[in-house]
Amino acid sequence: MADRRRAQLDLAELLMAVENAPPVAAADVLGEHLAETFGASKVSLLVADLSGRALIRLGHATRHEDARTQGRETAERVPLTGTSHGVALASQSVVVDGGVKGSRVFAPVTNRGRPSACSS
């Protein structure tokens, strides 16, 4: 098993995989690549909503009670106030929450300098 502390992200390979994916699968391809690279059991990509008070977790996974659905597509609202998601987005820094079952890493991603997404 590879030493995950030294995992290196090949950004060119990642971008190529995302660009070659169908548009509806791009987020899934990105999540799968990140999970494989860093040994994560789950990767979620969240997009800031227009209100500035929540993130939206997009996916194709199992339906959640709080998620809106359209076919297999899901959109789950994740509040920002008082959460690690919110701290990571507001501070534009990585936040790590450790727990008994493992750690959760919240890493903000920006688009042209504007906060636009966070993963957990």
Protein backbone atom coordinates (compact mmCIF):
# COMPACT_ATOMS: atom_id res chain seq x y z
CA MET A 1 0.00 0.00 0.00
CA ALA A 2 1.34 3.45 -0.91
CA ASP A 3 2.29 5.91 1.81
CA ARG A 4 -0.71 8.28 1.66
CA ARG A 5 1.16 11.01 3.55
CA ARG A 6 3.37 11.41 0.48
CA ALA A 7 0.66 11.09 -2.14
CA GLN A 8 1.21 13.46 -5.02
CA LEU A 9 -1.59 14.76 -7.19
CA ASP A 10 -0.78 14.71 -10.90
CA LEU A 11 -2.81 17.76 -11.89
CA ALA A 12 -2.30 17.29 -15.64
CA GLU A 13 -3.60 13.70 -15.41
CA LEU A 14 -6.53 14.81 -13.28
CA LEU A 15 -7.51 17.61 -15.66
CA MET A 16 -7.25 15.29 -18.66
CA ALA A 17 -9.50 12.71 -16.97
CA VAL A 18 -12.10 15.37 -16.15
CA GLU A 19 -11.96 16.89 -19.65
CA ASN A 20 -12.38 13.45 -21.25
CA ALA A 21 -15.40 12.60 -19.10
CA PRO A 22 -18.93 13.38 -20.21
CA PRO A 23 -20.07 16.67 -18.59
CA VAL A 24 -22.53 14.91 -16.27
CA ALA A 25 -19.73 12.63 -15.00
CA ALA A 26 -17.00 15.25 -14.53
CA ALA A 27 -17.59 15.72 -10.78
CA ASP A 28 -17.68 11.95 -10.23
CA VAL A 29 -14.44 11.44 -12.18
CA LEU A 30 -12.78 14.20 -10.16
CA GLY A 31 -13.97 12.70 -6.86
CA GLU A 32 -12.87 9.17 -7.80
CA HIS A 33 -9.43 10.40 -8.84
CA LEU A 34 -8.95 12.35 -5.61
CA ALA A 35 -10.15 9.40 -3.50
CA GLU A 36 -7.72 7.05 -5.24
CA THR A 37 -4.79 9.46 -4.98
CA PHE A 38 -5.26 10.23 -1.29
CA GLY A 39 -6.79 6.96 -0.10
CA ALA A 40 -10.06 8.60 0.89
CA SER A 41 -13.10 6.45 1.50
CA LYS A 42 -15.40 9.21 0.21
CA VAL A 43 -15.02 12.51 -1.63
CA SER A 44 -17.79 15.07 -2.00
CA LEU A 45 -17.67 18.16 -4.16
CA LEU A 46 -19.80 21.05 -3.02
CA VAL A 47 -20.71 24.24 -4.89
CA ALA A 48 -21.60 27.51 -3.17
CA ASP A 49 -25.22 28.49 -3.68
CA LEU A 50 -26.18 32.04 -4.62
CA SER A 51 -27.43 32.90 -1.12
CA GLY A 52 -23.95 32.56 0.40
CA ARG A 53 -25.43 30.61 3.33
CA ALA A 54 -25.01 27.07 2.08
CA LEU A 55 -23.14 24.70 -0.17
CA ILE A 56 -24.80 22.21 -2.49
CA ARG A 57 -23.43 18.66 -2.64
CA LEU A 58 -24.04 17.33 -6.14
CA GLY A 59 -23.93 13.64 -6.86
CA HIS A 60 -25.34 10.43 -8.22
CA ALA A 61 -25.22 8.46 -4.99
CA THR A 62 -28.00 7.19 -2.78
CA ARG A 63 -30.77 9.61 -2.09
CA HIS A 64 -30.69 11.63 1.12
CA GLU A 65 -33.83 12.84 2.86
CA ASP A 66 -32.67 16.46 2.56
CA ALA A 67 -31.56 16.13 -1.07
CA ARG A 68 -33.45 17.30 -4.10
CA THR A 69 -33.43 14.74 -6.87
CA GLN A 70 -33.90 14.62 -10.61
CA GLY A 71 -33.54 11.10 -11.89
CA ARG A 72 -30.26 9.80 -10.42
CA GLU A 73 -28.97 13.33 -9.80
CA THR A 74 -29.00 14.59 -6.20
CA ALA A 75 -28.47 18.03 -4.71
CA GLU A 76 -28.07 18.14 -0.93
CA ARG A 77 -27.99 21.50 0.89
CA VAL A 78 -25.11 21.79 3.42
CA PRO A 79 -25.28 24.81 5.79
CA LEU A 80 -22.20 26.99 6.26
CA THR A 81 -22.86 28.70 9.58
CA GLY A 82 -21.05 27.00 12.45
CA THR A 83 -19.61 24.20 10.31
CA SER A 84 -16.15 23.15 9.20
CA HIS A 85 -17.38 23.63 5.63
CA GLY A 86 -18.07 27.27 6.44
CA VAL A 87 -14.74 27.83 8.22
CA ALA A 88 -12.80 26.37 5.27
CA LEU A 89 -14.68 28.47 2.73
CA ALA A 90 -14.54 31.73 4.71
CA SER A 91 -10.87 31.39 5.65
CA GLN A 92 -9.84 29.88 2.31
CA SER A 93 -7.76 27.35 4.22
CA VAL A 94 -7.83 23.59 4.75
CA VAL A 95 -9.71 22.45 7.87
CA VAL A 96 -9.16 18.93 9.27
CA ASP A 97 -11.62 17.36 11.71
CA GLY A 98 -10.24 14.21 13.36
CA GLY A 99 -12.51 11.49 14.65
CA VAL A 100 -12.65 7.87 15.77
CA LYS A 101 -13.59 6.68 12.27
CA GLY A 102 -10.93 8.82 10.57
CA SER A 103 -10.43 12.40 9.54
CA ARG A 104 -12.51 14.70 7.40
CA VAL A 105 -10.67 17.25 5.30
CA PHE A 106 -12.40 20.38 4.05
CA ALA A 107 -10.41 22.02 1.26
CA PRO A 108 -11.73 25.13 -0.47
CA VAL A 109 -11.47 25.44 -4.24
CA THR A 110 -11.75 28.81 -5.92
CA ASN A 111 -12.62 29.91 -9.40
CA ARG A 112 -10.67 33.01 -10.43
CA GLY A 113 -10.23 34.14 -6.85
CA ARG A 114 -13.85 33.71 -5.81
CA PRO A 115 -14.81 30.95 -3.36
CA SER A 116 -16.85 28.45 -5.32
CA ALA A 117 -16.64 24.98 -3.79
CA CYS A 118 -15.48 22.88 -0.89
CA SER A 119 -14.98 19.14 -0.58
CA SER A 120 -15.58 16.88 2.34
